[in-house]
């Protein structure tokens, strides 16, 4: 039986706890990685959370696997990871993916608007 997006979202939401901004800020203060998985144009348009690390959703598998030449050393299986995207859907799916890859403690903050901490404004592209 083929999976639907609804099926995948239900599985992701069951596997990856959703947390609020206060909990996310607490985890980040204790060393968790705040991982922004939006695409680069979204960051350029909306800005980003101060101190966040960016890996676009489309590259996450390659950056998360230490066996690939694209591995990102910020991603460690023993490090708490707090994900966010624009609204929370991609973060849930990405969180389940990371858990499936052996990452132990992964949370979904939801969308960028859910982050109440400091932000870095978008870069002004000039005129």
PDB file of N, CA and C in Angstrom:
ATOM      1  N   UNK A   1       0.848  -1.188   0.000  1.00  0.00           N
ATOM      2  CA  UNK A   1       0.000   0.000   0.000  1.00  0.00           C
ATOM      3  C   UNK A   1       0.890   1.245   0.000  1.00  0.00           C
ATOM      4  N   UNK A   2       0.614   2.148  -0.887  1.00  0.00           N
ATOM      5  CA  UNK A   2       1.386   3.387  -0.998  1.00  0.00           C
ATOM      6  C   UNK A   2       1.031   4.350   0.132  1.00  0.00           C
ATOM      7  N   UNK A   3       2.035   5.070   0.600  1.00  0.00           N
ATOM      8  CA  UNK A   3       1.827   6.071   1.637  1.00  0.00           C
ATOM      9  C   UNK A   3       1.338   7.374   1.031  1.00  0.00           C
ATOM     10  N   UNK A   4       0.540   8.078   1.785  1.00  0.00           N
ATOM     11  CA  UNK A   4       0.118   9.419   1.395  1.00  0.00           C
ATOM     12  C   UNK A   4       0.858  10.426   2.272  1.00  0.00           C
ATOM     13  N   UNK A   5       0.791  11.689   1.915  1.00  0.00           N
ATOM     14  CA  UNK A   5       1.388  12.723   2.748  1.00  0.00           C
ATOM     15  C   UNK A   5       0.741  12.701   4.127  1.00  0.00           C
ATOM     16  N   UNK A   6      -0.552  12.473   4.166  1.00  0.00           N
ATOM     17  CA  UNK A   6      -1.261  12.404   5.448  1.00  0.00           C
ATOM     18  C   UNK A   6      -0.673  11.287   6.318  1.00  0.00           C
ATOM     19  N   UNK A   7      -0.399  10.118   5.722  1.00  0.00           N
ATOM     20  CA  UNK A   7       0.206   9.003   6.450  1.00  0.00           C
ATOM     21  C   UNK A   7       1.593   9.372   6.962  1.00  0.00           C
ATOM     22  N   UNK A   8       2.388   9.979   6.091  1.00  0.00           N
ATOM     23  CA  UNK A   8       3.753  10.348   6.474  1.00  0.00           C
ATOM     24  C   UNK A   8       3.757  11.401   7.578  1.00  0.00           C
ATOM     25  N   UNK A   9       2.835  12.356   7.498  1.00  0.00           N
ATOM     26  CA  UNK A   9       2.753  13.395   8.537  1.00  0.00           C
ATOM     27  C   UNK A   9       2.319  12.791   9.869  1.00  0.00           C
ATOM     28  N   UNK A  10       1.379  11.873   9.837  1.00  0.00           N
ATOM     29  CA  UNK A  10       0.926  11.238  11.077  1.00  0.00           C
ATOM     30  C   UNK A  10       2.078  10.469  11.733  1.00  0.00           C
ATOM     31  N   UNK A  11       2.841   9.742  10.938  1.00  0.00           N
ATOM     32  CA  UNK A  11       3.981   8.996  11.479  1.00  0.00           C
ATOM     33  C   UNK A  11       5.048   9.945  12.021  1.00  0.00           C
ATOM     34  N   UNK A  12       5.302  11.027  11.303  1.00  0.00           N
ATOM     35  CA  UNK A  12       6.302  11.997  11.747  1.00  0.00           C
ATOM     36  C   UNK A  12       5.871  12.674  13.041  1.00  0.00           C
ATOM     37  N   UNK A  13       4.618  13.087  13.114  1.00  0.00           N
ATOM     38  CA  UNK A  13       4.126  13.755  14.321  1.00  0.00           C
ATOM     39  C   UNK A  13       4.095  12.808  15.517  1.00  0.00           C
ATOM     40  N   UNK A  14       3.919  11.528  15.268  1.00  0.00           N
ATOM     41  CA  UNK A  14       3.939  10.548  16.359  1.00  0.00           C
ATOM     42  C   UNK A  14       5.368  10.294  16.854  1.00  0.00           C
ATOM     43  N   UNK A  15       6.347  10.419  15.972  1.00  0.00           N
ATOM     44  CA  UNK A  15       7.736  10.099  16.317  1.00  0.00           C
ATOM     45  C   UNK A  15       8.522  11.288  16.858  1.00  0.00           C
ATOM     46  N   UNK A  16       8.130  12.494  16.462  1.00  0.00           N
ATOM     47  CA  UNK A  16       8.913  13.687  16.784  1.00  0.00           C
ATOM     48  C   UNK A  16       8.070  14.642  17.619  1.00  0.00           C
ATOM     49  N   UNK A  17       8.419  14.824  18.886  1.00  0.00           N
ATOM     50  CA  UNK A  17       7.628  15.713  19.735  1.00  0.00           C
ATOM     51  C   UNK A  17       7.671  17.163  19.255  1.00  0.00           C
ATOM     52  N   UNK A  18       6.529  17.817  19.314  1.00  0.00           N
ATOM     53  CA  UNK A  18       6.424  19.248  18.998  1.00  0.00           C
ATOM     54  C   UNK A  18       6.651  20.014  20.294  1.00  0.00           C
ATOM     55  N   UNK A  19       7.505  21.016  20.243  1.00  0.00           N
ATOM     56  CA  UNK A  19       7.800  21.807  21.441  1.00  0.00           C
ATOM     57  C   UNK A  19       7.542  23.287  21.163  1.00  0.00           C
ATOM     58  N   UNK A  20       7.400  24.053  22.232  1.00  0.00           N
ATOM     59  CA  UNK A  20       7.192  25.492  22.064  1.00  0.00           C
ATOM     60  C   UNK A  20       8.532  26.222  22.088  1.00  0.00           C
ATOM     61  N   UNK A  21       8.472  27.513  21.836  1.00  0.00           N
ATOM     62  CA  UNK A  21       9.679  28.317  21.732  1.00  0.00           C
ATOM     63  C   UNK A  21      10.465  28.355  23.036  1.00  0.00           C
ATOM     64  N   UNK A  22       9.777  28.424  24.155  1.00  0.00           N
ATOM     65  CA  UNK A  22      10.484  28.477  25.445  1.00  0.00           C
ATOM     66  C   UNK A  22      11.314  27.216  25.652  1.00  0.00           C
ATOM     67  N   UNK A  23      10.735  26.066  25.351  1.00  0.00           N
ATOM     68  CA  UNK A  23      11.468  24.798  25.487  1.00  0.00           C
ATOM     69  C   UNK A  23      12.625  24.747  24.486  1.00  0.00           C
ATOM     70  N   UNK A  24      12.373  25.210  23.261  1.00  0.00           N
ATOM     71  CA  UNK A  24      13.426  25.223  22.240  1.00  0.00           C
ATOM     72  C   UNK A  24      14.586  26.110  22.678  1.00  0.00           C
ATOM     73  N   UNK A  25      14.285  27.302  23.178  1.00  0.00           N
ATOM     74  CA  UNK A  25      15.337  28.211  23.629  1.00  0.00           C
ATOM     75  C   UNK A  25      16.132  27.596  24.775  1.00  0.00           C
ATOM     76  N   UNK A  26      15.461  26.909  25.692  1.00  0.00           N
ATOM     77  CA  UNK A  26      16.135  26.244  26.798  1.00  0.00           C
ATOM     78  C   UNK A  26      17.081  25.160  26.276  1.00  0.00           C
ATOM     79  N   UNK A  27      16.604  24.338  25.355  1.00  0.00           N
ATOM     80  CA  UNK A  27      17.448  23.284  24.794  1.00  0.00           C
ATOM     81  C   UNK A  27      18.652  23.860  24.057  1.00  0.00           C
ATOM     82  N   UNK A  28      18.435  24.917  23.285  1.00  0.00           N
ATOM     83  CA  UNK A  28      19.533  25.547  22.542  1.00  0.00           C
ATOM     84  C   UNK A  28      20.550  26.134  23.520  1.00  0.00           C
ATOM     85  N   UNK A  29      20.069  26.751  24.587  1.00  0.00           N
ATOM     86  CA  UNK A  29      20.982  27.307  25.603  1.00  0.00           C
ATOM     87  C   UNK A  29      21.839  26.215  26.234  1.00  0.00           C
ATOM     88  N   UNK A  30      21.334  24.982  26.239  1.00  0.00           N
ATOM     89  CA  UNK A  30      22.067  23.851  26.807  1.00  0.00           C
ATOM     90  C   UNK A  30      22.890  23.100  25.759  1.00  0.00           C
ATOM     91  N   UNK A  31      22.963  23.641  24.542  1.00  0.00           N
ATOM     92  CA  UNK A  31      23.819  23.043  23.522  1.00  0.00           C
ATOM     93  C   UNK A  31      23.122  22.360  22.366  1.00  0.00           C
ATOM     94  N   UNK A  32      21.798  22.366  22.340  1.00  0.00           N
ATOM     95  CA  UNK A  32      21.087  21.766  21.208  1.00  0.00           C
ATOM     96  C   UNK A  32      21.359  22.559  19.936  1.00  0.00           C
ATOM     97  N   UNK A  33      21.270  21.884  18.824  1.00  0.00           N
ATOM     98  CA  UNK A  33      21.405  22.522  17.515  1.00  0.00           C
ATOM     99  C   UNK A  33      20.032  22.978  17.048  1.00  0.00           C
ATOM    100  N   UNK A  34      19.886  24.269  16.793  1.00  0.00           N
ATOM    101  CA  UNK A  34      18.660  24.796  16.192  1.00  0.00           C
ATOM    102  C   UNK A  34      18.860  24.727  14.688  1.00  0.00           C
ATOM    103  N   UNK A  35      18.140  23.830  14.037  1.00  0.00           N
ATOM    104  CA  UNK A  35      18.359  23.530  12.628  1.00  0.00           C
ATOM    105  C   UNK A  35      17.211  24.049  11.777  1.00  0.00           C
ATOM    106  N   UNK A  36      17.531  24.984  10.916  1.00  0.00           N
ATOM    107  CA  UNK A  36      16.587  25.604   9.984  1.00  0.00           C
ATOM    108  C   UNK A  36      16.681  24.840   8.675  1.00  0.00           C
ATOM    109  N   UNK A  37      15.592  24.210   8.256  1.00  0.00           N
ATOM    110  CA  UNK A  37      15.645  23.397   7.038  1.00  0.00           C
ATOM    111  C   UNK A  37      14.916  24.045   5.860  1.00  0.00           C
ATOM    112  N   UNK A  38      14.617  25.335   5.990  1.00  0.00           N
ATOM    113  CA  UNK A  38      13.990  26.032   4.865  1.00  0.00           C
ATOM    114  C   UNK A  38      14.987  26.176   3.717  1.00  0.00           C
ATOM    115  N   UNK A  39      14.469  26.467   2.547  1.00  0.00           N
ATOM    116  CA  UNK A  39      15.322  26.704   1.391  1.00  0.00           C
ATOM    117  C   UNK A  39      15.955  28.088   1.491  1.00  0.00           C
ATOM    118  N   UNK A  40      17.096  28.279   0.838  1.00  0.00           N
ATOM    119  CA  UNK A  40      17.839  29.535   0.912  1.00  0.00           C
ATOM    120  C   UNK A  40      16.988  30.768   0.574  1.00  0.00           C
ATOM    121  N   UNK A  41      16.134  30.736  -0.456  1.00  0.00           N
ATOM    122  CA  UNK A  41      15.325  31.926  -0.732  1.00  0.00           C
ATOM    123  C   UNK A  41      14.395  32.307   0.436  1.00  0.00           C
ATOM    124  N   UNK A  42      13.956  31.319   1.212  1.00  0.00           N
ATOM    125  CA  UNK A  42      13.116  31.620   2.372  1.00  0.00           C
ATOM    126  C   UNK A  42      13.913  32.369   3.435  1.00  0.00           C
ATOM    127  N   UNK A  43      15.152  31.974   3.658  1.00  0.00           N
ATOM    128  CA  UNK A  43      16.008  32.677   4.615  1.00  0.00           C
ATOM    129  C   UNK A  43      16.308  34.086   4.134  1.00  0.00           C
ATOM    130  N   UNK A  44      16.579  34.224   2.847  1.00  0.00           N
ATOM    131  CA  UNK A  44      16.877  35.541   2.292  1.00  0.00           C
ATOM    132  C   UNK A  44      15.684  36.482   2.412  1.00  0.00           C
ATOM    133  N   UNK A  45      14.490  35.931   2.304  1.00  0.00           N
ATOM    134  CA  UNK A  45      13.284  36.762   2.373  1.00  0.00           C
ATOM    135  C   UNK A  45      12.865  37.060   3.815  1.00  0.00           C
ATOM    136  N   UNK A  46      12.935  36.053   4.697  1.00  0.00           N
ATOM    137  CA  UNK A  46      12.364  36.178   6.032  1.00  0.00           C
ATOM    138  C   UNK A  46      13.389  36.367   7.152  1.00  0.00           C
ATOM    139  N   UNK A  47      14.665  36.106   6.877  1.00  0.00           N
ATOM    140  CA  UNK A  47      15.656  36.132   7.937  1.00  0.00           C
ATOM    141  C   UNK A  47      15.736  34.771   8.597  1.00  0.00           C
ATOM    142  N   UNK A  48      16.450  34.711   9.724  1.00  0.00           N
ATOM    143  CA  UNK A  48      16.616  33.429  10.405  1.00  0.00           C
ATOM    144  C   UNK A  48      16.760  33.664  11.895  1.00  0.00           C
ATOM    145  N   UNK A  49      16.644  32.601  12.656  1.00  0.00           N
ATOM    146  CA  UNK A  49      16.845  32.668  14.099  1.00  0.00           C
ATOM    147  C   UNK A  49      18.325  32.865  14.369  1.00  0.00           C
ATOM    148  N   UNK A  50      18.649  33.772  15.271  1.00  0.00           N
ATOM    149  CA  UNK A  50      20.046  34.007  15.626  1.00  0.00           C
ATOM    150  C   UNK A  50      20.651  32.708  16.165  1.00  0.00           C
ATOM    151  N   UNK A  51      21.814  32.356  15.658  1.00  0.00           N
ATOM    152  CA  UNK A  51      22.503  31.156  16.102  1.00  0.00           C
ATOM    153  C   UNK A  51      22.037  29.869  15.457  1.00  0.00           C
ATOM    154  N   UNK A  52      21.053  29.955  14.574  1.00  0.00           N
ATOM    155  CA  UNK A  52      20.570  28.730  13.934  1.00  0.00           C
ATOM    156  C   UNK A  52      21.573  28.245  12.889  1.00  0.00           C
ATOM    157  N   UNK A  53      21.457  26.987  12.566  1.00  0.00           N
ATOM    158  CA  UNK A  53      22.298  26.347  11.551  1.00  0.00           C
ATOM    159  C   UNK A  53      21.375  25.998  10.393  1.00  0.00           C
ATOM    160  N   UNK A  54      21.835  26.216   9.170  1.00  0.00           N
ATOM    161  CA  UNK A  54      20.971  25.995   8.014  1.00  0.00           C
ATOM    162  C   UNK A  54      21.437  24.811   7.184  1.00  0.00           C
ATOM    163  N   UNK A  55      20.505  23.889   6.972  1.00  0.00           N
ATOM    164  CA  UNK A  55      20.687  22.811   6.004  1.00  0.00           C
ATOM    165  C   UNK A  55      19.350  22.682   5.287  1.00  0.00           C
ATOM    166  N   UNK A  56      19.288  22.929   3.988  1.00  0.00           N
ATOM    167  CA  UNK A  56      18.006  22.796   3.289  1.00  0.00           C
ATOM    168  C   UNK A  56      17.487  21.357   3.369  1.00  0.00           C
ATOM    169  N   UNK A  57      16.197  21.217   3.462  1.00  0.00           N
ATOM    170  CA  UNK A  57      15.560  19.901   3.598  1.00  0.00           C
ATOM    171  C   UNK A  57      16.042  18.919   2.534  1.00  0.00           C
ATOM    172  N   UNK A  58      16.237  19.386   1.333  1.00  0.00           N
ATOM    173  CA  UNK A  58      16.645  18.516   0.241  1.00  0.00           C
ATOM    174  C   UNK A  58      18.042  17.928   0.387  1.00  0.00           C
ATOM    175  N   UNK A  59      18.854  18.487   1.283  1.00  0.00           N
ATOM    176  CA  UNK A  59      20.219  17.982   1.489  1.00  0.00           C
ATOM    177  C   UNK A  59      20.387  17.268   2.824  1.00  0.00           C
ATOM    178  N   UNK A  60      19.334  17.179   3.613  1.00  0.00           N
ATOM    179  CA  UNK A  60      19.465  16.706   4.981  1.00  0.00           C
ATOM    180  C   UNK A  60      20.044  15.300   5.080  1.00  0.00           C
ATOM    181  N   UNK A  61      19.580  14.370   4.280  1.00  0.00           N
ATOM    182  CA  UNK A  61      20.078  13.001   4.347  1.00  0.00           C
ATOM    183  C   UNK A  61      21.588  12.954   4.128  1.00  0.00           C
ATOM    184  N   UNK A  62      22.067  13.733   3.166  1.00  0.00           N
ATOM    185  CA  UNK A  62      23.483  13.738   2.820  1.00  0.00           C
ATOM    186  C   UNK A  62      24.325  14.406   3.905  1.00  0.00           C
ATOM    187  N   UNK A  63      23.794  15.448   4.506  1.00  0.00           N
ATOM    188  CA  UNK A  63      24.510  16.161   5.578  1.00  0.00           C
ATOM    189  C   UNK A  63      24.477  15.374   6.891  1.00  0.00           C
ATOM    190  N   UNK A  64      23.440  14.567   7.093  1.00  0.00           N
ATOM    191  CA  UNK A  64      23.271  13.834   8.350  1.00  0.00           C
ATOM    192  C   UNK A  64      24.049  12.527   8.403  1.00  0.00           C
ATOM    193  N   UNK A  65      24.433  11.999   7.265  1.00  0.00           N
ATOM    194  CA  UNK A  65      25.116  10.707   7.219  1.00  0.00           C
ATOM    195  C   UNK A  65      26.629  10.897   7.255  1.00  0.00           C
ATOM    196  N   UNK A  66      27.294  10.465   8.335  1.00  0.00           N
ATOM    197  CA  UNK A  66      28.738  10.641   8.436  1.00  0.00           C
ATOM    198  C   UNK A  66      29.530   9.889   7.369  1.00  0.00           C
ATOM    199  N   UNK A  67      28.887   8.975   6.664  1.00  0.00           N
ATOM    200  CA  UNK A  67      29.572   8.191   5.631  1.00  0.00           C
ATOM    201  C   UNK A  67      29.623   8.914   4.284  1.00  0.00           C
ATOM    202  N   UNK A  68      28.956  10.061   4.151  1.00  0.00           N
ATOM    203  CA  UNK A  68      28.996  10.780   2.880  1.00  0.00           C
ATOM    204  C   UNK A  68      30.039  11.889   2.937  1.00  0.00           C
ATOM    205  N   UNK A  69      30.544  12.283   1.789  1.00  0.00           N
ATOM    206  CA  UNK A  69      31.496  13.397   1.769  1.00  0.00           C
ATOM    207  C   UNK A  69      30.830  14.736   2.081  1.00  0.00           C
ATOM    208  N   UNK A  70      29.507  14.759   2.159  1.00  0.00           N
ATOM    209  CA  UNK A  70      28.755  15.987   2.411  1.00  0.00           C
ATOM    210  C   UNK A  70      28.371  16.146   3.883  1.00  0.00           C
ATOM    211  N   UNK A  71      28.824  15.225   4.728  1.00  0.00           N
ATOM    212  CA  UNK A  71      28.431  15.246   6.143  1.00  0.00           C
ATOM    213  C   UNK A  71      28.736  16.594   6.787  1.00  0.00           C
ATOM    214  N   UNK A  72      27.794  17.056   7.584  1.00  0.00           N
ATOM    215  CA  UNK A  72      27.949  18.309   8.339  1.00  0.00           C
ATOM    216  C   UNK A  72      28.308  17.940   9.773  1.00  0.00           C
ATOM    217  N   UNK A  73      29.481  18.334  10.252  1.00  0.00           N
ATOM    218  CA  UNK A  73      29.898  17.944  11.611  1.00  0.00           C
ATOM    219  C   UNK A  73      29.032  18.515  12.728  1.00  0.00           C
ATOM    220  N   UNK A  74      28.207  19.506  12.424  1.00  0.00           N
ATOM    221  CA  UNK A  74      27.272  20.014  13.445  1.00  0.00           C
ATOM    222  C   UNK A  74      26.222  18.957  13.793  1.00  0.00           C
ATOM    223  N   UNK A  75      25.974  18.045  12.874  1.00  0.00           N
ATOM    224  CA  UNK A  75      25.003  16.977  13.115  1.00  0.00           C
ATOM    225  C   UNK A  75      25.718  15.789  13.743  1.00  0.00           C
ATOM    226  N   UNK A  76      25.395  15.555  15.003  1.00  0.00           N
ATOM    227  CA  UNK A  76      25.947  14.423  15.747  1.00  0.00           C
ATOM    228  C   UNK A  76      24.790  13.674  16.381  1.00  0.00           C
ATOM    229  N   UNK A  77      24.860  12.381  16.356  1.00  0.00           N
ATOM    230  CA  UNK A  77      23.748  11.567  16.850  1.00  0.00           C
ATOM    231  C   UNK A  77      23.524  11.700  18.342  1.00  0.00           C
ATOM    232  N   UNK A  78      24.526  12.203  19.070  1.00  0.00           N
ATOM    233  CA  UNK A  78      24.368  12.388  20.513  1.00  0.00           C
ATOM    234  C   UNK A  78      23.972  13.823  20.877  1.00  0.00           C
ATOM    235  N   UNK A  79      23.751  14.673  19.893  1.00  0.00           N
ATOM    236  CA  UNK A  79      23.384  16.070  20.132  1.00  0.00           C
ATOM    237  C   UNK A  79      21.882  16.251  19.951  1.00  0.00           C
ATOM    238  N   UNK A  80      21.268  16.990  20.846  1.00  0.00           N
ATOM    239  CA  UNK A  80      19.844  17.316  20.714  1.00  0.00           C
ATOM    240  C   UNK A  80      19.682  18.230  19.504  1.00  0.00           C
ATOM    241  N   UNK A  81      18.649  17.956  18.706  1.00  0.00           N
ATOM    242  CA  UNK A  81      18.375  18.755  17.516  1.00  0.00           C
ATOM    243  C   UNK A  81      16.949  19.282  17.594  1.00  0.00           C
ATOM    244  N   UNK A  82      16.827  20.591  17.387  1.00  0.00           N
ATOM    245  CA  UNK A  82      15.525  21.260  17.327  1.00  0.00           C
ATOM    246  C   UNK A  82      15.370  21.780  15.913  1.00  0.00           C
ATOM    247  N   UNK A  83      14.384  21.264  15.211  1.00  0.00           N
ATOM    248  CA  UNK A  83      14.155  21.621  13.812  1.00  0.00           C
ATOM    249  C   UNK A  83      13.041  22.649  13.665  1.00  0.00           C
ATOM    250  N   UNK A  84      13.173  23.459  12.625  1.00  0.00           N
ATOM    251  CA  UNK A  84      12.031  24.278  12.211  1.00  0.00           C
ATOM    252  C   UNK A  84      12.107  24.500  10.715  1.00  0.00           C
ATOM    253  N   UNK A  85      10.963  24.785  10.127  1.00  0.00           N
ATOM    254  CA  UNK A  85      10.869  25.140   8.715  1.00  0.00           C
ATOM    255  C   UNK A  85      10.009  26.399   8.645  1.00  0.00           C
ATOM    256  N   UNK A  86       9.152  26.514   7.663  1.00  0.00           N
ATOM    257  CA  UNK A  86       8.285  27.687   7.570  1.00  0.00           C
ATOM    258  C   UNK A  86       7.023  27.524   8.411  1.00  0.00           C
ATOM    259  N   UNK A  87       6.467  26.302   8.438  1.00  0.00           N
ATOM    260  CA  UNK A  87       5.214  26.109   9.183  1.00  0.00           C
ATOM    261  C   UNK A  87       5.204  24.865  10.060  1.00  0.00           C
ATOM    262  N   UNK A  88       6.167  23.977   9.923  1.00  0.00           N
ATOM    263  CA  UNK A  88       6.265  22.807  10.785  1.00  0.00           C
ATOM    264  C   UNK A  88       6.156  21.469  10.091  1.00  0.00           C
ATOM    265  N   UNK A  89       5.594  21.432   8.894  1.00  0.00           N
ATOM    266  CA  UNK A  89       5.425  20.162   8.186  1.00  0.00           C
ATOM    267  C   UNK A  89       6.736  19.533   7.765  1.00  0.00           C
ATOM    268  N   UNK A  90       7.582  20.302   7.113  1.00  0.00           N
ATOM    269  CA  UNK A  90       8.883  19.771   6.693  1.00  0.00           C
ATOM    270  C   UNK A  90       9.735  19.425   7.903  1.00  0.00           C
ATOM    271  N   UNK A  91       9.612  20.214   8.981  1.00  0.00           N
ATOM    272  CA  UNK A  91      10.384  19.929  10.193  1.00  0.00           C
ATOM    273  C   UNK A  91       9.966  18.594  10.795  1.00  0.00           C
ATOM    274  N   UNK A  92       8.679  18.293  10.782  1.00  0.00           N
ATOM    275  CA  UNK A  92       8.208  16.998  11.299  1.00  0.00           C
ATOM    276  C   UNK A  92       8.777  15.858  10.465  1.00  0.00           C
ATOM    277  N   UNK A  93       8.677  15.972   9.148  1.00  0.00           N
ATOM    278  CA  UNK A  93       9.195  14.922   8.266  1.00  0.00           C
ATOM    279  C   UNK A  93      10.707  14.781   8.404  1.00  0.00           C
ATOM    280  N   UNK A  94      11.410  15.907   8.506  1.00  0.00           N
ATOM    281  CA  UNK A  94      12.865  15.870   8.675  1.00  0.00           C
ATOM    282  C   UNK A  94      13.239  15.257  10.017  1.00  0.00           C
ATOM    283  N   UNK A  95      12.461  15.554  11.042  1.00  0.00           N
ATOM    284  CA  UNK A  95      12.731  14.980  12.356  1.00  0.00           C
ATOM    285  C   UNK A  95      12.593  13.471  12.344  1.00  0.00           C
ATOM    286  N   UNK A  96      11.563  12.973  11.680  1.00  0.00           N
ATOM    287  CA  UNK A  96      11.390  11.520  11.583  1.00  0.00           C
ATOM    288  C   UNK A  96      12.549  10.907  10.806  1.00  0.00           C
ATOM    289  N   UNK A  97      12.961  11.550   9.753  1.00  0.00           N
ATOM    290  CA  UNK A  97      14.099  11.068   8.982  1.00  0.00           C
ATOM    291  C   UNK A  97      15.339  10.958   9.873  1.00  0.00           C
ATOM    292  N   UNK A  98      15.629  12.006  10.643  1.00  0.00           N
ATOM    293  CA  UNK A  98      16.790  11.963  11.520  1.00  0.00           C
ATOM    294  C   UNK A  98      16.663  10.850  12.558  1.00  0.00           C
ATOM    295  N   UNK A  99      15.486  10.667  13.113  1.00  0.00           N
ATOM    296  CA  UNK A  99      15.293   9.576  14.080  1.00  0.00           C
ATOM    297  C   UNK A  99      15.520   8.224  13.396  1.00  0.00           C
ATOM    298  N   UNK A 100      15.016   8.078  12.171  1.00  0.00           N
ATOM    299  CA  UNK A 100      15.229   6.839  11.415  1.00  0.00           C
ATOM    300  C   UNK A 100      16.711   6.599  11.143  1.00  0.00           C
ATOM    301  N   UNK A 101      17.491   7.681  11.068  1.00  0.00           N
ATOM    302  CA  UNK A 101      18.927   7.574  10.809  1.00  0.00           C
ATOM    303  C   UNK A 101      19.725   7.396  12.105  1.00  0.00           C
ATOM    304  N   UNK A 102      19.044   7.323  13.246  1.00  0.00           N
ATOM    305  CA  UNK A 102      19.732   7.046  14.501  1.00  0.00           C
ATOM    306  C   UNK A 102      19.979   8.239  15.401  1.00  0.00           C
ATOM    307  N   UNK A 103      19.461   9.391  15.044  1.00  0.00           N
ATOM    308  CA  UNK A 103      19.592  10.560  15.913  1.00  0.00           C
ATOM    309  C   UNK A 103      18.634  10.374  17.084  1.00  0.00           C
ATOM    310  N   UNK A 104      19.160  10.489  18.294  1.00  0.00           N
ATOM    311  CA  UNK A 104      18.419  10.081  19.492  1.00  0.00           C
ATOM    312  C   UNK A 104      17.359  11.068  19.945  1.00  0.00           C
ATOM    313  N   UNK A 105      17.697  12.352  19.984  1.00  0.00           N
ATOM    314  CA  UNK A 105      16.786  13.331  20.581  1.00  0.00           C
ATOM    315  C   UNK A 105      16.523  14.460  19.595  1.00  0.00           C
ATOM    316  N   UNK A 106      15.338  14.428  18.982  1.00  0.00           N
ATOM    317  CA  UNK A 106      14.975  15.362  17.926  1.00  0.00           C
ATOM    318  C   UNK A 106      13.602  15.940  18.259  1.00  0.00           C
ATOM    319  N   UNK A 107      13.475  17.268  18.079  1.00  0.00           N
ATOM    320  CA  UNK A 107      12.219  17.960  18.368  1.00  0.00           C
ATOM    321  C   UNK A 107      11.817  18.829  17.189  1.00  0.00           C
ATOM    322  N   UNK A 108      10.524  19.080  17.084  1.00  0.00           N
ATOM    323  CA  UNK A 108       9.963  19.951  16.055  1.00  0.00           C
ATOM    324  C   UNK A 108       9.455  21.219  16.728  1.00  0.00           C
ATOM    325  N   UNK A 109      10.122  22.335  16.458  1.00  0.00           N
ATOM    326  CA  UNK A 109       9.648  23.633  16.943  1.00  0.00           C
ATOM    327  C   UNK A 109       8.441  24.090  16.152  1.00  0.00           C
ATOM    328  N   UNK A 110       8.366  23.693  14.910  1.00  0.00           N
ATOM    329  CA  UNK A 110       7.276  24.128  14.032  1.00  0.00           C
ATOM    330  C   UNK A 110       7.816  25.051  12.968  1.00  0.00           C
ATOM    331  N   UNK A 111       7.202  26.227  12.864  1.00  0.00           N
ATOM    332  CA  UNK A 111       7.598  27.184  11.848  1.00  0.00           C
ATOM    333  C   UNK A 111       8.481  28.284  12.384  1.00  0.00           C
ATOM    334  N   UNK A 112       9.064  29.035  11.472  1.00  0.00           N
ATOM    335  CA  UNK A 112       9.933  30.143  11.838  1.00  0.00           C
ATOM    336  C   UNK A 112       9.197  31.139  12.734  1.00  0.00           C
ATOM    337  N   UNK A 113       7.930  31.351  12.486  1.00  0.00           N
ATOM    338  CA  UNK A 113       7.140  32.283  13.304  1.00  0.00           C
ATOM    339  C   UNK A 113       7.014  31.799  14.749  1.00  0.00           C
ATOM    340  N   UNK A 114       7.223  30.504  14.989  1.00  0.00           N
ATOM    341  CA  UNK A 114       7.134  29.956  16.345  1.00  0.00           C
ATOM    342  C   UNK A 114       8.361  30.263  17.185  1.00  0.00           C
ATOM    343  N   UNK A 115       9.448  30.670  16.555  1.00  0.00           N
ATOM    344  CA  UNK A 115      10.669  31.011  17.284  1.00  0.00           C
ATOM    345  C   UNK A 115      10.495  32.408  17.883  1.00  0.00           C
ATOM    346  N   UNK A 116      10.551  32.512  19.193  1.00  0.00           N
ATOM    347  CA  UNK A 116      10.362  33.795  19.870  1.00  0.00           C
ATOM    348  C   UNK A 116      11.689  34.451  20.234  1.00  0.00           C
ATOM    349  N   UNK A 117      12.797  33.763  20.012  1.00  0.00           N
ATOM    350  CA  UNK A 117      14.109  34.298  20.360  1.00  0.00           C
ATOM    351  C   UNK A 117      14.596  35.327  19.351  1.00  0.00           C
ATOM    352  N   UNK A 118      15.847  35.704  19.497  1.00  0.00           N
ATOM    353  CA  UNK A 118      16.460  36.706  18.628  1.00  0.00           C
ATOM    354  C   UNK A 118      16.482  36.214  17.183  1.00  0.00           C
ATOM    355  N   UNK A 119      16.386  37.186  16.291  1.00  0.00           N
ATOM    356  CA  UNK A 119      16.384  36.889  14.858  1.00  0.00           C
ATOM    357  C   UNK A 119      17.438  37.716  14.149  1.00  0.00           C
ATOM    358  N   UNK A 120      17.885  37.181  13.028  1.00  0.00           N
ATOM    359  CA  UNK A 120      18.775  37.899  12.134  1.00  0.00           C
ATOM    360  C   UNK A 120      17.917  38.290  10.948  1.00  0.00           C
ATOM    361  N   UNK A 121      17.895  39.562  10.655  1.00  0.00           N
ATOM    362  CA  UNK A 121      17.054  40.057   9.561  1.00  0.00           C
ATOM    363  C   UNK A 121      17.587  39.579   8.213  1.00  0.00           C
ATOM    364  N   UNK A 122      16.720  39.569   7.215  1.00  0.00           N
ATOM    365  CA  UNK A 122      17.188  39.177   5.875  1.00  0.00           C
ATOM    366  C   UNK A 122      18.293  40.119   5.382  1.00  0.00           C
ATOM    367  N   UNK A 123      19.146  39.585   4.549  1.00  0.00           N
ATOM    368  CA  UNK A 123      20.191  40.401   3.946  1.00  0.00           C
ATOM    369  C   UNK A 123      19.546  41.307   2.901  1.00  0.00           C
ATOM    370  N   UNK A 124      19.868  42.576   2.940  1.00  0.00           N
ATOM    371  CA  UNK A 124      19.342  43.515   1.945  1.00  0.00           C
ATOM    372  C   UNK A 124      20.075  43.271   0.629  1.00  0.00           C
ATOM    373  N   UNK A 125      19.356  42.830  -0.401  1.00  0.00           N
ATOM    374  CA  UNK A 125      20.024  42.524  -1.669  1.00  0.00           C
ATOM    375  C   UNK A 125      20.489  43.766  -2.412  1.00  0.00           C
ATOM    376  N   UNK A 126      20.151  44.949  -1.932  1.00  0.00           N
ATOM    377  CA  UNK A 126      20.537  46.179  -2.628  1.00  0.00           C
ATOM    378  C   UNK A 126      19.616  46.461  -3.788  1.00  0.00           C
ATOM    379  N   UNK A 127      19.845  47.546  -4.420  1.00  0.00           N
ATOM    380  CA  UNK A 127      18.995  47.943  -5.546  1.00  0.00           C
ATOM    381  C   UNK A 127      19.768  47.874  -6.829  1.00  0.00           C
TER     382      UNK A 127
END
